[in-house]
C-alpha cells in the first residue's frame, strides 16, 4: 500500500482524537494558551529530527510563501478549531471538517490542477452528505443555538484555511522534507499564538489545573507533532484533494471516543453520518492515483 495512504489514514484519526481531547480541556486552558502549548510541545518533539537528516537549504524566494503557509496551517487553523470546540461538539466540528476534500477540489479547479475520477468525486459527495445529515437534522429540530452556529462557522473557516494551505504546500514539502516544513510552521506560529493567549488568557490558573489536564495537553501536543509529519508525508505523495479526503476519518474517531469516555448518546443522525464518512473514505482509498509525474520527484527549482 502507498505510504501516503497509510499516512493519510493515521492523520485522519489523529485529528479526530485531538479534537476530542481539546474539547475536554479548552474551557480551562483557553483557546489561545491551548494552541500555544500544543505547538510548542510539537516543536520540541520535532526539532531534533532536523539534526538527524540534512535537507536542502530553503531559497529566499520560497521563505515568504512557506512562512505564510505555516502561519495559516498552524496558528490560524488551530485557533479556529479551538474556538469551534469551545462552542459546539467535537463530533459536529469533525463532520464539518469532512467537507475539506470538496473545498480542496474547488481550489484545485481554480488553479487548473484538478485530478480525480468518479470514485474520488463520489467520496467527496459522501463526505458532504454526512455533514448535511447531521447539521440538517439539527437545524430542522431547532437544536442549533447561536453559540453552536458560531462554533460551526469557525470550523468551516478552519476547513477553508487548511484546504488552501494544503493545495499550495506540496512542492515545498517534496523539496525540503516534512520535518523541516513542520518545524517552520510551528516556529512562525508561536508569536501569533502568544498574542492570542495574551488576549484570551486561561480561565484557570496553571497551579489549579487537574493533573489529567496537564497530561491531556501533553498528549495533544505530541500527537500533533506526529500528525503533521504524517500529514506532510501524505501531501508529498498524493494530490491534496485525495489527502484531505482521509481527514473524513476524524468524525469517526471523535464520535467513538465521545461514546467511550463521555457517555455521549449514539443518535441515528450521527450513526448515518459516520457510515457515509466511512463509505467516502473507502472511495478515496480505492481511487487510482492520477496520471502524471512521480509524486516523489522534486519540482523544478
C-alpha atoms as a PDB file:
ATOM      1  CA  UNK A   1       0.000   0.000   0.000  1.00  0.00           C
ATOM      2  CA  UNK A   2       1.195   3.512  -0.816  1.00  0.00           C
ATOM      3  CA  UNK A   3       2.788   5.050   2.288  1.00  0.00           C
ATOM      4  CA  UNK A   4       0.876   8.248   1.538  1.00  0.00           C
ATOM      5  CA  UNK A   5      -2.416   6.392   2.055  1.00  0.00           C
ATOM      6  CA  UNK A   6      -1.247   4.968   5.386  1.00  0.00           C
ATOM      7  CA  UNK A   7      -0.078   8.433   6.492  1.00  0.00           C
ATOM      8  CA  UNK A   8      -3.400   9.959   5.438  1.00  0.00           C
ATOM      9  CA  UNK A   9      -5.394   7.366   7.368  1.00  0.00           C
ATOM     10  CA  UNK A  10      -3.319   7.916  10.506  1.00  0.00           C
ATOM     11  CA  UNK A  11      -3.633  11.702  10.248  1.00  0.00           C
ATOM     12  CA  UNK A  12      -7.407  11.476   9.900  1.00  0.00           C
ATOM     13  CA  UNK A  13      -7.652   9.526  13.149  1.00  0.00           C
ATOM     14  CA  UNK A  14      -5.143  11.807  14.920  1.00  0.00           C
ATOM     15  CA  UNK A  15      -7.159  14.928  14.061  1.00  0.00           C
ATOM     16  CA  UNK A  16     -10.324  13.390  15.474  1.00  0.00           C
ATOM     17  CA  UNK A  17      -8.565  12.341  18.675  1.00  0.00           C
ATOM     18  CA  UNK A  18      -7.014  15.796  19.108  1.00  0.00           C
ATOM     19  CA  UNK A  19     -10.401  17.454  18.590  1.00  0.00           C
ATOM     20  CA  UNK A  20     -11.966  15.238  21.239  1.00  0.00           C
ATOM     21  CA  UNK A  21      -9.168  15.874  23.750  1.00  0.00           C
ATOM     22  CA  UNK A  22      -9.241  19.618  23.026  1.00  0.00           C
ATOM     23  CA  UNK A  23     -12.924  19.732  23.868  1.00  0.00           C
ATOM     24  CA  UNK A  24     -12.121  18.285  27.296  1.00  0.00           C
ATOM     25  CA  UNK A  25      -9.554  20.936  28.235  1.00  0.00           C
ATOM     26  CA  UNK A  26     -10.226  24.076  26.174  1.00  0.00           C
ATOM     27  CA  UNK A  27     -12.647  25.589  28.713  1.00  0.00           C
ATOM     28  CA  UNK A  28      -9.992  25.501  31.464  1.00  0.00           C
ATOM     29  CA  UNK A  29      -6.851  26.086  29.387  1.00  0.00           C
ATOM     30  CA  UNK A  30      -8.241  28.694  26.981  1.00  0.00           C
ATOM     31  CA  UNK A  31      -8.240  28.812  23.177  1.00  0.00           C
ATOM     32  CA  UNK A  32      -5.016  30.806  22.856  1.00  0.00           C
ATOM     33  CA  UNK A  33      -2.977  29.019  25.506  1.00  0.00           C
ATOM     34  CA  UNK A  34      -4.042  25.586  24.295  1.00  0.00           C
ATOM     35  CA  UNK A  35      -2.851  26.383  20.770  1.00  0.00           C
ATOM     36  CA  UNK A  36       0.417  27.797  22.093  1.00  0.00           C
ATOM     37  CA  UNK A  37       1.120  24.802  24.318  1.00  0.00           C
ATOM     38  CA  UNK A  38       0.051  22.334  21.637  1.00  0.00           C
ATOM     39  CA  UNK A  39       2.501  23.543  19.029  1.00  0.00           C
ATOM     40  CA  UNK A  40       5.287  24.416  21.433  1.00  0.00           C
ATOM     41  CA  UNK A  41       5.255  20.781  22.543  1.00  0.00           C
ATOM     42  CA  UNK A  42       5.078  19.599  18.932  1.00  0.00           C
ATOM     43  CA  UNK A  43       8.019  21.846  18.031  1.00  0.00           C
ATOM     44  CA  UNK A  44      10.124  20.445  20.885  1.00  0.00           C
ATOM     45  CA  UNK A  45       9.355  16.918  19.674  1.00  0.00           C
ATOM     46  CA  UNK A  46      10.216  17.522  16.014  1.00  0.00           C
ATOM     47  CA  UNK A  47      13.152  19.969  16.195  1.00  0.00           C
ATOM     48  CA  UNK A  48      15.711  17.211  16.994  1.00  0.00           C
ATOM     49  CA  UNK A  49      14.780  15.478  13.723  1.00  0.00           C
ATOM     50  CA  UNK A  50      16.447  18.290  11.783  1.00  0.00           C
ATOM     51  CA  UNK A  51      19.770  17.277  13.339  1.00  0.00           C
ATOM     52  CA  UNK A  52      19.393  13.687  12.171  1.00  0.00           C
ATOM     53  CA  UNK A  53      18.823  14.366   8.485  1.00  0.00           C
ATOM     54  CA  UNK A  54      20.223  17.078   6.266  1.00  0.00           C
ATOM     55  CA  UNK A  55      17.863  18.727   3.799  1.00  0.00           C
ATOM     56  CA  UNK A  56      18.124  21.365   1.102  1.00  0.00           C
ATOM     57  CA  UNK A  57      18.608  24.969   2.122  1.00  0.00           C
ATOM     58  CA  UNK A  58      15.409  26.950   1.615  1.00  0.00           C
ATOM     59  CA  UNK A  59      15.730  29.553  -1.114  1.00  0.00           C
ATOM     60  CA  UNK A  60      14.987  33.204  -0.420  1.00  0.00           C
ATOM     61  CA  UNK A  61      12.056  33.183  -2.837  1.00  0.00           C
ATOM     62  CA  UNK A  62      10.442  30.229  -1.048  1.00  0.00           C
ATOM     63  CA  UNK A  63      10.779  31.577   2.501  1.00  0.00           C
ATOM     64  CA  UNK A  64       7.863  34.096   2.421  1.00  0.00           C
ATOM     65  CA  UNK A  65       5.475  31.515   0.974  1.00  0.00           C
ATOM     66  CA  UNK A  66       6.463  28.808   3.452  1.00  0.00           C
ATOM     67  CA  UNK A  67       6.119  31.234   6.387  1.00  0.00           C
ATOM     68  CA  UNK A  68       2.648  32.369   5.331  1.00  0.00           C
ATOM     69  CA  UNK A  69       1.501  28.807   4.703  1.00  0.00           C
ATOM     70  CA  UNK A  70       2.881  27.766   8.085  1.00  0.00           C
ATOM     71  CA  UNK A  71       1.021  30.513   9.915  1.00  0.00           C
ATOM     72  CA  UNK A  72      -2.199  29.634   8.117  1.00  0.00           C
ATOM     73  CA  UNK A  73      -1.890  25.872   8.530  1.00  0.00           C
ATOM     74  CA  UNK A  74      -0.926  26.066  12.210  1.00  0.00           C
ATOM     75  CA  UNK A  75      -1.781  29.327  14.013  1.00  0.00           C
ATOM     76  CA  UNK A  76      -4.930  30.333  12.129  1.00  0.00           C
ATOM     77  CA  UNK A  77      -6.275  26.811  11.747  1.00  0.00           C
ATOM     78  CA  UNK A  78      -5.786  25.671  15.329  1.00  0.00           C
ATOM     79  CA  UNK A  79      -7.164  28.922  16.762  1.00  0.00           C
ATOM     80  CA  UNK A  80     -10.327  28.487  14.736  1.00  0.00           C
ATOM     81  CA  UNK A  81     -10.665  24.805  15.670  1.00  0.00           C
ATOM     82  CA  UNK A  82     -10.169  25.519  19.367  1.00  0.00           C
ATOM     83  CA  UNK A  83     -12.802  28.247  19.126  1.00  0.00           C
ATOM     84  CA  UNK A  84     -15.118  25.794  17.364  1.00  0.00           C
ATOM     85  CA  UNK A  85     -14.900  23.071  20.028  1.00  0.00           C
ATOM     86  CA  UNK A  86     -15.463  25.721  22.684  1.00  0.00           C
ATOM     87  CA  UNK A  87     -18.938  26.430  21.279  1.00  0.00           C
ATOM     88  CA  UNK A  88     -20.064  23.133  19.745  1.00  0.00           C
ATOM     89  CA  UNK A  89     -19.335  19.402  19.947  1.00  0.00           C
ATOM     90  CA  UNK A  90     -16.140  17.801  18.665  1.00  0.00           C
ATOM     91  CA  UNK A  91     -18.191  15.364  16.578  1.00  0.00           C
ATOM     92  CA  UNK A  92     -20.018  18.201  14.790  1.00  0.00           C
ATOM     93  CA  UNK A  93     -16.779  20.131  14.194  1.00  0.00           C
ATOM     94  CA  UNK A  94     -15.154  16.988  12.825  1.00  0.00           C
ATOM     95  CA  UNK A  95     -18.028  16.365  10.434  1.00  0.00           C
ATOM     96  CA  UNK A  96     -17.870  19.922   9.100  1.00  0.00           C
ATOM     97  CA  UNK A  97     -14.146  19.382   8.638  1.00  0.00           C
ATOM     98  CA  UNK A  98     -15.096  16.381   6.472  1.00  0.00           C
ATOM     99  CA  UNK A  99     -16.020  18.805   3.661  1.00  0.00           C
ATOM    100  CA  UNK A 100     -12.301  19.536   3.303  1.00  0.00           C
ATOM    101  CA  UNK A 101     -11.818  17.434   0.127  1.00  0.00           C
ATOM    102  CA  UNK A 102     -14.696  19.207  -1.599  1.00  0.00           C
ATOM    103  CA  UNK A 103     -13.199  22.602  -0.815  1.00  0.00           C
ATOM    104  CA  UNK A 104      -9.761  21.342  -1.883  1.00  0.00           C
ATOM    105  CA  UNK A 105     -11.259  20.203  -5.187  1.00  0.00           C
ATOM    106  CA  UNK A 106     -12.724  23.667  -5.790  1.00  0.00           C
ATOM    107  CA  UNK A 107      -9.338  25.263  -5.085  1.00  0.00           C
ATOM    108  CA  UNK A 108      -7.629  22.821  -7.446  1.00  0.00           C
ATOM    109  CA  UNK A 109     -10.168  23.718 -10.144  1.00  0.00           C
ATOM    110  CA  UNK A 110      -9.375  27.398  -9.694  1.00  0.00           C
ATOM    111  CA  UNK A 111      -5.677  26.536 -10.073  1.00  0.00           C
ATOM    112  CA  UNK A 112      -6.345  24.334 -13.093  1.00  0.00           C
ATOM    113  CA  UNK A 113      -4.869  21.295 -11.333  1.00  0.00           C
ATOM    114  CA  UNK A 114      -7.907  19.069 -10.920  1.00  0.00           C
ATOM    115  CA  UNK A 115      -7.111  15.383 -10.589  1.00  0.00           C
ATOM    116  CA  UNK A 116      -9.505  12.606  -9.745  1.00  0.00           C
ATOM    117  CA  UNK A 117     -12.177  10.330 -11.153  1.00  0.00           C
ATOM    118  CA  UNK A 118     -15.749   9.332 -10.454  1.00  0.00           C
ATOM    119  CA  UNK A 119     -14.701   7.337  -7.403  1.00  0.00           C
ATOM    120  CA  UNK A 120     -12.934  10.238  -5.700  1.00  0.00           C
ATOM    121  CA  UNK A 121     -15.814  12.558  -6.638  1.00  0.00           C
ATOM    122  CA  UNK A 122     -18.230  10.079  -5.042  1.00  0.00           C
ATOM    123  CA  UNK A 123     -16.091  10.180  -1.902  1.00  0.00           C
ATOM    124  CA  UNK A 124     -16.400  13.960  -1.813  1.00  0.00           C
ATOM    125  CA  UNK A 125     -20.179  13.760  -2.245  1.00  0.00           C
ATOM    126  CA  UNK A 126     -20.459  11.231   0.581  1.00  0.00           C
ATOM    127  CA  UNK A 127     -18.370  13.439   2.877  1.00  0.00           C
ATOM    128  CA  UNK A 128     -20.627  16.408   2.216  1.00  0.00           C
ATOM    129  CA  UNK A 129     -23.694  14.197   2.623  1.00  0.00           C
ATOM    130  CA  UNK A 130     -22.541  13.174   6.081  1.00  0.00           C
ATOM    131  CA  UNK A 131     -22.460  16.817   7.152  1.00  0.00           C
ATOM    132  CA  UNK A 132     -25.857  17.518   5.605  1.00  0.00           C
ATOM    133  CA  UNK A 133     -27.419  14.610   7.504  1.00  0.00           C
ATOM    134  CA  UNK A 134     -26.168  15.734  10.910  1.00  0.00           C
ATOM    135  CA  UNK A 135     -26.460  19.519  10.597  1.00  0.00           C
ATOM    136  CA  UNK A 136     -29.661  19.456   8.536  1.00  0.00           C
ATOM    137  CA  UNK A 137     -31.477  17.350  11.137  1.00  0.00           C
ATOM    138  CA  UNK A 138     -30.311  19.608  13.967  1.00  0.00           C
ATOM    139  CA  UNK A 139     -31.425  22.714  12.062  1.00  0.00           C
ATOM    140  CA  UNK A 140     -34.936  21.361  11.409  1.00  0.00           C
ATOM    141  CA  UNK A 141     -35.193  20.239  15.017  1.00  0.00           C
ATOM    142  CA  UNK A 142     -34.328  23.809  16.153  1.00  0.00           C
ATOM    143  CA  UNK A 143     -31.425  22.391  18.137  1.00  0.00           C
ATOM    144  CA  UNK A 144     -28.827  24.892  16.923  1.00  0.00           C
ATOM    145  CA  UNK A 145     -28.138  27.807  19.252  1.00  0.00           C
ATOM    146  CA  UNK A 146     -26.276  30.999  18.374  1.00  0.00           C
ATOM    147  CA  UNK A 147     -23.196  29.669  20.190  1.00  0.00           C
ATOM    148  CA  UNK A 148     -23.293  26.421  18.233  1.00  0.00           C
ATOM    149  CA  UNK A 149     -23.596  28.318  14.954  1.00  0.00           C
ATOM    150  CA  UNK A 150     -20.531  30.355  15.958  1.00  0.00           C
ATOM    151  CA  UNK A 151     -18.597  27.148  16.576  1.00  0.00           C
ATOM    152  CA  UNK A 152     -19.703  25.678  13.267  1.00  0.00           C
ATOM    153  CA  UNK A 153     -18.727  28.859  11.430  1.00  0.00           C
ATOM    154  CA  UNK A 154     -15.263  28.720  12.995  1.00  0.00           C
ATOM    155  CA  UNK A 155     -14.963  25.059  11.946  1.00  0.00           C
ATOM    156  CA  UNK A 156     -15.882  25.947   8.358  1.00  0.00           C
ATOM    157  CA  UNK A 157     -13.344  28.783   8.302  1.00  0.00           C
ATOM    158  CA  UNK A 158     -10.657  26.395   9.575  1.00  0.00           C
ATOM    159  CA  UNK A 159     -11.584  23.948   6.830  1.00  0.00           C
ATOM    160  CA  UNK A 160     -11.153  26.592   4.123  1.00  0.00           C
ATOM    161  CA  UNK A 161      -7.769  27.641   5.538  1.00  0.00           C
ATOM    162  CA  UNK A 162      -6.479  24.045   5.621  1.00  0.00           C
ATOM    163  CA  UNK A 163      -7.729  23.328   2.099  1.00  0.00           C
ATOM    164  CA  UNK A 164      -5.973  26.419   0.736  1.00  0.00           C
ATOM    165  CA  UNK A 165      -2.686  25.706   2.508  1.00  0.00           C
ATOM    166  CA  UNK A 166      -2.728  22.009   1.617  1.00  0.00           C
ATOM    167  CA  UNK A 167      -3.217  22.795  -2.060  1.00  0.00           C
ATOM    168  CA  UNK A 168      -0.170  25.088  -2.059  1.00  0.00           C
ATOM    169  CA  UNK A 169       2.157  23.197   0.304  1.00  0.00           C
ATOM    170  CA  UNK A 170       3.078  20.131  -1.749  1.00  0.00           C
ATOM    171  CA  UNK A 171       6.025  21.497  -3.797  1.00  0.00           C
ATOM    172  CA  UNK A 172       7.769  22.755  -0.674  1.00  0.00           C
ATOM    173  CA  UNK A 173       7.208  19.526   1.280  1.00  0.00           C
ATOM    174  CA  UNK A 174       8.684  17.482  -1.575  1.00  0.00           C
ATOM    175  CA  UNK A 175      11.597  19.875  -1.902  1.00  0.00           C
ATOM    176  CA  UNK A 176      12.557  20.392   1.741  1.00  0.00           C
ATOM    177  CA  UNK A 177      11.059  17.478   3.680  1.00  0.00           C
ATOM    178  CA  UNK A 178       8.126  17.125   6.071  1.00  0.00           C
ATOM    179  CA  UNK A 179      10.184  17.603   9.250  1.00  0.00           C
ATOM    180  CA  UNK A 180      11.641  20.954   8.188  1.00  0.00           C
ATOM    181  CA  UNK A 181       8.306  22.268   6.894  1.00  0.00           C
ATOM    182  CA  UNK A 182       6.584  21.197  10.129  1.00  0.00           C
ATOM    183  CA  UNK A 183       9.200  22.855  12.346  1.00  0.00           C
ATOM    184  CA  UNK A 184       8.998  26.093  10.351  1.00  0.00           C
ATOM    185  CA  UNK A 185       5.199  26.086  10.566  1.00  0.00           C
ATOM    186  CA  UNK A 186       5.296  25.614  14.336  1.00  0.00           C
ATOM    187  CA  UNK A 187       8.040  28.215  14.822  1.00  0.00           C
ATOM    188  CA  UNK A 188       6.458  31.059  12.836  1.00  0.00           C
ATOM    189  CA  UNK A 189       3.114  30.425  14.542  1.00  0.00           C
ATOM    190  CA  UNK A 190       4.390  30.851  18.093  1.00  0.00           C
ATOM    191  CA  UNK A 191       4.297  34.672  18.026  1.00  0.00           C
ATOM    192  CA  UNK A 192       0.642  34.978  16.930  1.00  0.00           C
ATOM    193  CA  UNK A 193      -0.306  32.189  19.329  1.00  0.00           C
ATOM    194  CA  UNK A 194       1.410  34.053  22.187  1.00  0.00           C
ATOM    195  CA  UNK A 195      -0.617  37.153  21.261  1.00  0.00           C
ATOM    196  CA  UNK A 196      -3.825  35.115  21.184  1.00  0.00           C
ATOM    197  CA  UNK A 197      -3.003  33.535  24.546  1.00  0.00           C
ATOM    198  CA  UNK A 198      -2.454  37.023  25.990  1.00  0.00           C
ATOM    199  CA  UNK A 199      -5.763  38.305  24.644  1.00  0.00           C
ATOM    200  CA  UNK A 200      -7.607  35.163  25.715  1.00  0.00           C
ATOM    201  CA  UNK A 201      -5.972  34.010  28.970  1.00  0.00           C
ATOM    202  CA  UNK A 202      -6.656  30.708  30.654  1.00  0.00           C
ATOM    203  CA  UNK A 203      -9.794  30.638  32.784  1.00  0.00           C
ATOM    204  CA  UNK A 204      -7.966  28.574  35.397  1.00  0.00           C
ATOM    205  CA  UNK A 205      -4.529  29.271  36.848  1.00  0.00           C
ATOM    206  CA  UNK A 206      -1.939  26.657  35.952  1.00  0.00           C
ATOM    207  CA  UNK A 207      -1.442  25.746  39.635  1.00  0.00           C
ATOM    208  CA  UNK A 208      -5.119  24.797  39.780  1.00  0.00           C
ATOM    209  CA  UNK A 209      -5.080  22.572  36.714  1.00  0.00           C
ATOM    210  CA  UNK A 210      -6.036  18.987  37.377  1.00  0.00           C
ATOM    211  CA  UNK A 211      -3.156  16.558  36.632  1.00  0.00           C
ATOM    212  CA  UNK A 212      -5.325  14.981  33.957  1.00  0.00           C
ATOM    213  CA  UNK A 213      -5.492  18.340  32.164  1.00  0.00           C
ATOM    214  CA  UNK A 214      -1.697  18.536  32.033  1.00  0.00           C
ATOM    215  CA  UNK A 215      -1.422  15.023  30.630  1.00  0.00           C
ATOM    216  CA  UNK A 216      -4.125  15.679  28.049  1.00  0.00           C
ATOM    217  CA  UNK A 217      -2.361  18.852  26.846  1.00  0.00           C
ATOM    218  CA  UNK A 218       0.902  16.886  26.542  1.00  0.00           C
ATOM    219  CA  UNK A 219      -0.884  14.167  24.576  1.00  0.00           C
ATOM    220  CA  UNK A 220      -2.424  16.749  22.233  1.00  0.00           C
ATOM    221  CA  UNK A 221       0.964  18.369  21.610  1.00  0.00           C
ATOM    222  CA  UNK A 222       2.896  15.153  20.983  1.00  0.00           C
ATOM    223  CA  UNK A 223       0.201  13.720  18.735  1.00  0.00           C
ATOM    224  CA  UNK A 224       0.115  16.975  16.762  1.00  0.00           C
ATOM    225  CA  UNK A 225       3.842  16.754  16.065  1.00  0.00           C
ATOM    226  CA  UNK A 226       3.481  13.219  14.762  1.00  0.00           C
ATOM    227  CA  UNK A 227       0.293  14.143  12.920  1.00  0.00           C
ATOM    228  CA  UNK A 228       1.939  16.968  10.991  1.00  0.00           C
ATOM    229  CA  UNK A 229       4.798  14.683   9.943  1.00  0.00           C
ATOM    230  CA  UNK A 230       2.378  12.135   8.521  1.00  0.00           C
ATOM    231  CA  UNK A 231       0.197  14.874   7.004  1.00  0.00           C
ATOM    232  CA  UNK A 232       3.074  16.399   5.044  1.00  0.00           C
ATOM    233  CA  UNK A 233       4.354  12.935   4.133  1.00  0.00           C
ATOM    234  CA  UNK A 234       0.969  12.195   2.567  1.00  0.00           C
ATOM    235  CA  UNK A 235       0.888  15.567   0.760  1.00  0.00           C
ATOM    236  CA  UNK A 236       4.291  14.811  -0.780  1.00  0.00           C
ATOM    237  CA  UNK A 237       2.976  11.579  -2.284  1.00  0.00           C
ATOM    238  CA  UNK A 238      -0.663  12.173  -3.116  1.00  0.00           C
ATOM    239  CA  UNK A 239      -2.779  15.035  -4.545  1.00  0.00           C
ATOM    240  CA  UNK A 240      -4.122  17.419  -1.907  1.00  0.00           C
ATOM    241  CA  UNK A 241      -7.749  16.593  -2.764  1.00  0.00           C
ATOM    242  CA  UNK A 242      -7.155  12.921  -2.086  1.00  0.00           C
ATOM    243  CA  UNK A 243      -5.115  13.503   1.092  1.00  0.00           C
ATOM    244  CA  UNK A 244      -7.725  15.807   2.593  1.00  0.00           C
ATOM    245  CA  UNK A 245     -10.320  13.123   1.912  1.00  0.00           C
ATOM    246  CA  UNK A 246      -8.766  10.934   4.592  1.00  0.00           C
ATOM    247  CA  UNK A 247      -9.494  13.614   7.189  1.00  0.00           C
ATOM    248  CA  UNK A 248     -13.103  12.500   6.975  1.00  0.00           C
ATOM    249  CA  UNK A 249     -11.939   9.789   9.401  1.00  0.00           C
ATOM    250  CA  UNK A 250     -11.770  12.345  12.188  1.00  0.00           C
ATOM    251  CA  UNK A 251     -15.526  12.390  12.938  1.00  0.00           C
ATOM    252  CA  UNK A 252     -15.449   8.613  13.303  1.00  0.00           C
ATOM    253  CA  UNK A 253     -12.604   8.894  15.805  1.00  0.00           C
ATOM    254  CA  UNK A 254     -14.191  11.793  17.697  1.00  0.00           C
ATOM    255  CA  UNK A 255     -17.574  10.051  17.861  1.00  0.00           C
ATOM    256  CA  UNK A 256     -16.110   6.755  19.086  1.00  0.00           C
ATOM    257  CA  UNK A 257     -14.035   8.483  21.763  1.00  0.00           C
ATOM    258  CA  UNK A 258     -17.058  10.518  22.868  1.00  0.00           C
ATOM    259  CA  UNK A 259     -19.124   7.344  23.170  1.00  0.00           C
ATOM    260  CA  UNK A 260     -16.425   5.548  25.160  1.00  0.00           C
ATOM    261  CA  UNK A 261     -15.246   8.269  27.528  1.00  0.00           C
ATOM    262  CA  UNK A 262     -18.101  10.754  27.924  1.00  0.00           C
ATOM    263  CA  UNK A 263     -21.179   8.588  27.521  1.00  0.00           C
ATOM    264  CA  UNK A 264     -22.436  10.677  24.609  1.00  0.00           C
ATOM    265  CA  UNK A 265     -25.576   9.168  23.030  1.00  0.00           C
ATOM    266  CA  UNK A 266     -25.321   7.422  19.672  1.00  0.00           C
ATOM    267  CA  UNK A 267     -28.051   9.289  17.797  1.00  0.00           C
ATOM    268  CA  UNK A 268     -29.424   7.981  14.489  1.00  0.00           C
ATOM    269  CA  UNK A 269     -28.182  11.044  12.616  1.00  0.00           C
ATOM    270  CA  UNK A 270     -24.667  10.638  13.975  1.00  0.00           C
ATOM    271  CA  UNK A 271     -24.665   6.948  13.072  1.00  0.00           C
ATOM    272  CA  UNK A 272     -25.821   7.629   9.500  1.00  0.00           C
ATOM    273  CA  UNK A 273     -23.274  10.432   9.161  1.00  0.00           C
ATOM    274  CA  UNK A 274     -20.422   8.206  10.333  1.00  0.00           C
ATOM    275  CA  UNK A 275     -21.474   5.474   7.871  1.00  0.00           C
ATOM    276  CA  UNK A 276     -21.449   7.959   4.989  1.00  0.00           C
ATOM    277  CA  UNK A 277     -17.997   9.178   6.002  1.00  0.00           C
ATOM    278  CA  UNK A 278     -16.670   5.615   6.090  1.00  0.00           C
ATOM    279  CA  UNK A 279     -18.014   4.992   2.581  1.00  0.00           C
ATOM    280  CA  UNK A 280     -16.364   8.212   1.423  1.00  0.00           C
ATOM    281  CA  UNK A 281     -13.041   7.116   2.926  1.00  0.00           C
ATOM    282  CA  UNK A 282     -13.298   3.795   1.083  1.00  0.00           C
ATOM    283  CA  UNK A 283     -13.783   5.675  -2.193  1.00  0.00           C
ATOM    284  CA  UNK A 284     -10.662   7.765  -1.584  1.00  0.00           C
ATOM    285  CA  UNK A 285      -8.591   4.724  -0.611  1.00  0.00           C
ATOM    286  CA  UNK A 286      -9.670   2.761  -3.714  1.00  0.00           C
ATOM    287  CA  UNK A 287      -9.344   5.686  -6.121  1.00  0.00           C
ATOM    288  CA  UNK A 288      -6.425   5.101  -8.529  1.00  0.00           C
ATOM    289  CA  UNK A 289      -3.584   7.642  -8.473  1.00  0.00           C
ATOM    290  CA  UNK A 290      -3.708  10.355 -11.151  1.00  0.00           C
ATOM    291  CA  UNK A 291      -1.513  10.138 -14.196  1.00  0.00           C
ATOM    292  CA  UNK A 292       1.475  12.427 -14.199  1.00  0.00           C
ATOM    293  CA  UNK A 293       4.999  12.780 -12.841  1.00  0.00           C
ATOM    294  CA  UNK A 294       6.092  10.683  -9.893  1.00  0.00           C
ATOM    295  CA  UNK A 295       4.993  12.344  -6.681  1.00  0.00           C
ATOM    296  CA  UNK A 296       8.429  11.942  -5.160  1.00  0.00           C
ATOM    297  CA  UNK A 297      10.091  13.844  -7.986  1.00  0.00           C
ATOM    298  CA  UNK A 298      11.168  17.290  -6.768  1.00  0.00           C
ATOM    299  CA  UNK A 299       9.583  20.214  -8.566  1.00  0.00           C
ATOM    300  CA  UNK A 300      11.740  22.496 -10.677  1.00  0.00           C
ATOM    301  CA  UNK A 301      13.709  24.971  -8.597  1.00  0.00           C
END
